[in-house]
Amino acid sequence: DDVLRFARAGVTANLQMLWACHEPAMDELTVPFLGERRSRRQYPFGDLDRAGARLAAGSDWPVSTPDPLLAMHTAVNRTTYGAQGRSGTDPFLPEQALDLVTAFAAYTSGSAWINHRDDAGIVRAGAAADLVVLDRDPFAGPVEEIGATRVVSTWVDGVMVAGRA
C-alpha cells in the first residue's frame, strides 16, 4: 500500500492540511468525481503518521489561506474552524486526524527538514530565531479552539518584523 511505501522509502509527505474537511468543492465536486471508495483515501494524514512517514506541511496559497493555525485546526479536527455543530459539518474522515503535536511538528521541524534547514523549525540555542508569538497556548485549550489562536508578533533573525512585543 502507498502509505507503507512512503514510510519504508523515507519519503516526506507534504501535507496541505486545510483541504481535509467538508466544504463545497469537496462535497460537490471532488467526492462525486472520485466516488465513495476513492474519496475515503484522501488526505490520509493519520495513516501516514502511524506508518512512520515523515510529515511536512505548507499552504496552498494563494488558492487558500497561508494561516498554518487554521490548517492545523483542520488537521486535528477534520473540520474548518467554527464549523463544529453546524448542519452538514461532520468531520471529514476523522480517523485520519492528527494530534496537535504532530501537526505543529509538520509545519515547523518537518518543513525545515524538507527544505534542508537544520538551523530552523526548532527553538534552541544556535537555531534561526524565526518565530511567532501567539495570543494563547493552543495546546492548553480545547482542540475545537485551535483555529481561534492569533499571531501577536512575527520575528525574523531575532528581530520583530510585525506585530507587538
C-alpha atoms as a PDB file:
ATOM      1  CA  ASP A   1       0.000   0.000   0.000  1.00  0.00           C
ATOM      2  CA  ASP A   2       1.215   3.508  -0.800  1.00  0.00           C
ATOM      3  CA  VAL A   3       1.167   4.711   2.808  1.00  0.00           C
ATOM      4  CA  LEU A   4       3.555   1.969   3.909  1.00  0.00           C
ATOM      5  CA  ARG A   5       5.743   2.648   0.871  1.00  0.00           C
ATOM      6  CA  PHE A   6       6.073   6.295   1.992  1.00  0.00           C
ATOM      7  CA  ALA A   7       7.416   5.208   5.356  1.00  0.00           C
ATOM      8  CA  ARG A   8       9.672   2.443   4.036  1.00  0.00           C
ATOM      9  CA  ALA A   9      11.170   4.651   1.323  1.00  0.00           C
ATOM     10  CA  GLY A  10      11.798   7.544   3.699  1.00  0.00           C
ATOM     11  CA  VAL A  11       9.648   9.822   1.545  1.00  0.00           C
ATOM     12  CA  THR A  12       8.337  13.007   3.131  1.00  0.00           C
ATOM     13  CA  ALA A  13       4.615  13.643   2.738  1.00  0.00           C
ATOM     14  CA  ASN A  14       3.995  17.351   2.088  1.00  0.00           C
ATOM     15  CA  LEU A  15       0.548  17.925   3.584  1.00  0.00           C
ATOM     16  CA  GLN A  16      -1.916  20.624   2.603  1.00  0.00           C
ATOM     17  CA  MET A  17      -3.911  20.304   5.821  1.00  0.00           C
ATOM     18  CA  LEU A  18      -6.564  22.939   5.140  1.00  0.00           C
ATOM     19  CA  TRP A  19      -8.319  20.865   2.470  1.00  0.00           C
ATOM     20  CA  ALA A  20      -9.073  17.855   4.708  1.00  0.00           C
ATOM     21  CA  CYS A  21     -12.638  18.886   5.566  1.00  0.00           C
ATOM     22  CA  HIS A  22     -16.144  19.079   4.197  1.00  0.00           C
ATOM     23  CA  GLU A  23     -16.536  22.210   2.093  1.00  0.00           C
ATOM     24  CA  PRO A  24     -18.366  22.879  -1.194  1.00  0.00           C
ATOM     25  CA  ALA A  25     -15.535  21.909  -3.561  1.00  0.00           C
ATOM     26  CA  MET A  26     -15.015  18.646  -1.663  1.00  0.00           C
ATOM     27  CA  ASP A  27     -18.662  17.694  -1.288  1.00  0.00           C
ATOM     28  CA  GLU A  28     -19.997  18.919  -4.638  1.00  0.00           C
ATOM     29  CA  LEU A  29     -17.061  18.266  -6.971  1.00  0.00           C
ATOM     30  CA  THR A  30     -14.335  16.020  -5.572  1.00  0.00           C
ATOM     31  CA  VAL A  31     -16.316  13.290  -3.789  1.00  0.00           C
ATOM     32  CA  PRO A  32     -18.837  12.797  -6.639  1.00  0.00           C
ATOM     33  CA  PHE A  33     -15.992  12.674  -9.184  1.00  0.00           C
ATOM     34  CA  LEU A  34     -13.838  10.219  -7.220  1.00  0.00           C
ATOM     35  CA  GLY A  35     -16.655   8.097  -5.838  1.00  0.00           C
ATOM     36  CA  GLU A  36     -17.032   6.895  -2.257  1.00  0.00           C
ATOM     37  CA  ARG A  37     -14.270   4.260  -2.261  1.00  0.00           C
ATOM     38  CA  ARG A  38     -11.524   6.507  -3.657  1.00  0.00           C
ATOM     39  CA  SER A  39     -12.748   9.521  -1.669  1.00  0.00           C
ATOM     40  CA  ARG A  40     -12.025   7.633   1.544  1.00  0.00           C
ATOM     41  CA  ARG A  41      -8.330   7.612   0.581  1.00  0.00           C
ATOM     42  CA  GLN A  42      -7.977  11.394   0.542  1.00  0.00           C
ATOM     43  CA  TYR A  43      -5.716  13.209   2.971  1.00  0.00           C
ATOM     44  CA  PRO A  44      -4.534  10.098   4.870  1.00  0.00           C
ATOM     45  CA  PHE A  45      -2.568  12.135   7.415  1.00  0.00           C
ATOM     46  CA  GLY A  46      -3.256   9.765  10.301  1.00  0.00           C
ATOM     47  CA  ASP A  47      -2.306   6.670   8.301  1.00  0.00           C
ATOM     48  CA  LEU A  48       0.935   8.310   7.137  1.00  0.00           C
ATOM     49  CA  ASP A  49       1.838   9.300  10.692  1.00  0.00           C
ATOM     50  CA  ARG A  50       1.002   5.875  12.147  1.00  0.00           C
ATOM     51  CA  ALA A  51       3.095   4.215   9.419  1.00  0.00           C
ATOM     52  CA  GLY A  52       6.093   6.331  10.412  1.00  0.00           C
ATOM     53  CA  ALA A  53       6.281   8.585   7.351  1.00  0.00           C
ATOM     54  CA  ARG A  54       7.983  11.949   7.779  1.00  0.00           C
ATOM     55  CA  LEU A  55       5.456  14.801   7.556  1.00  0.00           C
ATOM     56  CA  ALA A  56       5.938  18.361   6.340  1.00  0.00           C
ATOM     57  CA  ALA A  57       3.178  20.923   5.902  1.00  0.00           C
ATOM     58  CA  GLY A  58       2.594  24.096   3.972  1.00  0.00           C
ATOM     59  CA  SER A  59      -0.192  26.115   2.451  1.00  0.00           C
ATOM     60  CA  ASP A  60      -1.751  26.100  -0.976  1.00  0.00           C
ATOM     61  CA  TRP A  61      -1.575  29.896  -1.003  1.00  0.00           C
ATOM     62  CA  PRO A  62      -2.793  31.902  -2.943  1.00  0.00           C
ATOM     63  CA  VAL A  63      -5.564  29.357  -3.518  1.00  0.00           C
ATOM     64  CA  SER A  64      -6.267  29.131   0.214  1.00  0.00           C
ATOM     65  CA  THR A  65      -5.183  30.906   3.377  1.00  0.00           C
ATOM     66  CA  PRO A  66      -1.498  30.791   4.297  1.00  0.00           C
ATOM     67  CA  ASP A  67      -2.528  30.669   8.001  1.00  0.00           C
ATOM     68  CA  PRO A  68      -0.964  27.490   9.443  1.00  0.00           C
ATOM     69  CA  LEU A  69      -3.067  27.725  12.614  1.00  0.00           C
ATOM     70  CA  LEU A  70      -6.303  27.332  10.649  1.00  0.00           C
ATOM     71  CA  ALA A  71      -4.774  24.457   8.707  1.00  0.00           C
ATOM     72  CA  MET A  72      -3.596  22.746  11.910  1.00  0.00           C
ATOM     73  CA  HIS A  73      -7.118  23.170  13.289  1.00  0.00           C
ATOM     74  CA  THR A  74      -8.429  21.301  10.241  1.00  0.00           C
ATOM     75  CA  ALA A  75      -5.795  18.559  10.527  1.00  0.00           C
ATOM     76  CA  VAL A  76      -6.711  17.919  14.170  1.00  0.00           C
ATOM     77  CA  ASN A  77     -10.497  18.348  13.947  1.00  0.00           C
ATOM     78  CA  ARG A  78     -11.081  17.495  10.258  1.00  0.00           C
ATOM     79  CA  THR A  79     -13.486  20.449  10.117  1.00  0.00           C
ATOM     80  CA  THR A  80     -12.893  24.128   9.478  1.00  0.00           C
ATOM     81  CA  TYR A  81     -12.670  26.423  12.488  1.00  0.00           C
ATOM     82  CA  GLY A  82     -16.145  27.350  13.721  1.00  0.00           C
ATOM     83  CA  ALA A  83     -17.860  24.596  11.727  1.00  0.00           C
ATOM     84  CA  GLN A  84     -18.405  22.120  14.587  1.00  0.00           C
ATOM     85  CA  GLY A  85     -22.057  21.676  15.375  1.00  0.00           C
ATOM     86  CA  ARG A  86     -23.366  23.229  12.152  1.00  0.00           C
ATOM     87  CA  SER A  87     -25.556  21.117   9.928  1.00  0.00           C
ATOM     88  CA  GLY A  88     -23.516  19.129   7.416  1.00  0.00           C
ATOM     89  CA  THR A  89     -20.201  19.755   9.136  1.00  0.00           C
ATOM     90  CA  ASP A  90     -19.306  16.311  10.369  1.00  0.00           C
ATOM     91  CA  PRO A  91     -15.553  15.728  10.454  1.00  0.00           C
ATOM     92  CA  PHE A  92     -14.130  14.535   7.138  1.00  0.00           C
ATOM     93  CA  LEU A  93     -12.591  11.081   7.652  1.00  0.00           C
ATOM     94  CA  PRO A  94     -11.966  11.671  11.378  1.00  0.00           C
ATOM     95  CA  GLU A  95      -9.825   8.533  11.620  1.00  0.00           C
ATOM     96  CA  GLN A  96      -7.218  10.478   9.620  1.00  0.00           C
ATOM     97  CA  ALA A  97      -6.908  13.302  12.162  1.00  0.00           C
ATOM     98  CA  LEU A  98      -3.511  14.242  13.574  1.00  0.00           C
ATOM     99  CA  ASP A  99      -2.805  15.270  17.136  1.00  0.00           C
ATOM    100  CA  LEU A 100      -1.704  18.879  17.591  1.00  0.00           C
ATOM    101  CA  VAL A 101       1.903  17.989  18.438  1.00  0.00           C
ATOM    102  CA  THR A 102       2.252  16.148  15.128  1.00  0.00           C
ATOM    103  CA  ALA A 103       0.551  18.919  13.132  1.00  0.00           C
ATOM    104  CA  PHE A 104       2.827  21.579  14.697  1.00  0.00           C
ATOM    105  CA  ALA A 105       5.905  19.466  14.007  1.00  0.00           C
ATOM    106  CA  ALA A 106       4.910  19.080  10.345  1.00  0.00           C
ATOM    107  CA  TYR A 107       4.712  22.865   9.971  1.00  0.00           C
ATOM    108  CA  THR A 108       7.908  23.595  11.887  1.00  0.00           C
ATOM    109  CA  SER A 109      10.640  20.970  12.034  1.00  0.00           C
ATOM    110  CA  GLY A 110       9.121  18.917   9.190  1.00  0.00           C
ATOM    111  CA  SER A 111       9.079  21.837   6.780  1.00  0.00           C
ATOM    112  CA  ALA A 112      12.552  22.935   7.864  1.00  0.00           C
ATOM    113  CA  TRP A 113      13.869  19.409   7.288  1.00  0.00           C
ATOM    114  CA  ILE A 114      12.408  19.076   3.789  1.00  0.00           C
ATOM    115  CA  ASN A 115      13.987  22.436   2.896  1.00  0.00           C
ATOM    116  CA  HIS A 116      17.401  21.341   4.246  1.00  0.00           C
ATOM    117  CA  ARG A 117      17.227  23.961   7.023  1.00  0.00           C
ATOM    118  CA  ASP A 118      18.820  22.245  10.006  1.00  0.00           C
ATOM    119  CA  ASP A 119      19.033  25.668  11.664  1.00  0.00           C
ATOM    120  CA  ALA A 120      15.263  26.274  11.535  1.00  0.00           C
ATOM    121  CA  GLY A 121      11.985  24.777  12.679  1.00  0.00           C
ATOM    122  CA  ILE A 122      13.073  24.346  16.294  1.00  0.00           C
ATOM    123  CA  VAL A 123      13.705  26.550  19.301  1.00  0.00           C
ATOM    124  CA  ARG A 124      17.227  26.008  20.624  1.00  0.00           C
ATOM    125  CA  ALA A 125      20.466  27.927  21.030  1.00  0.00           C
ATOM    126  CA  GLY A 126      22.110  28.484  17.670  1.00  0.00           C
ATOM    127  CA  ALA A 127      18.948  27.946  15.631  1.00  0.00           C
ATOM    128  CA  ALA A 128      17.421  30.640  13.451  1.00  0.00           C
ATOM    129  CA  ALA A 129      15.330  32.944  15.608  1.00  0.00           C
ATOM    130  CA  ASP A 130      12.418  32.986  13.157  1.00  0.00           C
ATOM    131  CA  LEU A 131       9.259  32.562  15.182  1.00  0.00           C
ATOM    132  CA  VAL A 132       5.865  33.914  16.102  1.00  0.00           C
ATOM    133  CA  VAL A 133       4.304  34.831  19.431  1.00  0.00           C
ATOM    134  CA  LEU A 134       0.722  33.630  19.835  1.00  0.00           C
ATOM    135  CA  ASP A 135      -2.107  35.122  21.876  1.00  0.00           C
ATOM    136  CA  ARG A 136      -2.735  31.779  23.599  1.00  0.00           C
ATOM    137  CA  ASP A 137      -1.272  28.351  24.068  1.00  0.00           C
ATOM    138  CA  PRO A 138      -3.141  26.221  21.512  1.00  0.00           C
ATOM    139  CA  PHE A 139      -2.152  23.093  23.457  1.00  0.00           C
ATOM    140  CA  ALA A 140      -3.850  24.340  26.649  1.00  0.00           C
ATOM    141  CA  GLY A 141      -7.420  24.737  25.431  1.00  0.00           C
ATOM    142  CA  PRO A 142      -9.961  22.507  23.753  1.00  0.00           C
ATOM    143  CA  VAL A 143      -8.912  21.330  20.278  1.00  0.00           C
ATOM    144  CA  GLU A 144     -12.057  22.919  18.853  1.00  0.00           C
ATOM    145  CA  GLU A 145     -10.469  26.325  19.593  1.00  0.00           C
ATOM    146  CA  ILE A 146      -7.107  25.836  17.861  1.00  0.00           C
ATOM    147  CA  GLY A 147      -8.345  27.972  14.970  1.00  0.00           C
ATOM    148  CA  ALA A 148      -9.072  30.895  17.308  1.00  0.00           C
ATOM    149  CA  THR A 149      -5.346  31.297  18.009  1.00  0.00           C
ATOM    150  CA  ARG A 150      -3.878  34.509  16.598  1.00  0.00           C
ATOM    151  CA  VAL A 151      -0.334  35.645  15.895  1.00  0.00           C
ATOM    152  CA  VAL A 152       0.652  38.613  18.083  1.00  0.00           C
ATOM    153  CA  SER A 153       4.104  39.208  16.588  1.00  0.00           C
ATOM    154  CA  THR A 154       6.466  37.784  13.995  1.00  0.00           C
ATOM    155  CA  TRP A 155      10.238  37.620  14.476  1.00  0.00           C
ATOM    156  CA  VAL A 156      12.883  37.012  11.801  1.00  0.00           C
ATOM    157  CA  ASP A 157      16.527  36.539  12.790  1.00  0.00           C
ATOM    158  CA  GLY A 158      15.585  37.625  16.303  1.00  0.00           C
ATOM    159  CA  VAL A 159      14.102  40.942  15.150  1.00  0.00           C
ATOM    160  CA  MET A 160      10.392  41.715  15.409  1.00  0.00           C
ATOM    161  CA  VAL A 161       9.123  42.449  11.887  1.00  0.00           C
ATOM    162  CA  ALA A 162       5.375  42.594  12.566  1.00  0.00           C
ATOM    163  CA  GLY A 163       3.004  42.954  15.495  1.00  0.00           C
ATOM    164  CA  ARG A 164       3.658  43.970  19.048  1.00  0.00           C
ATOM    165  CA  ALA A 165       6.114  42.745  21.660  1.00  0.00           C
END
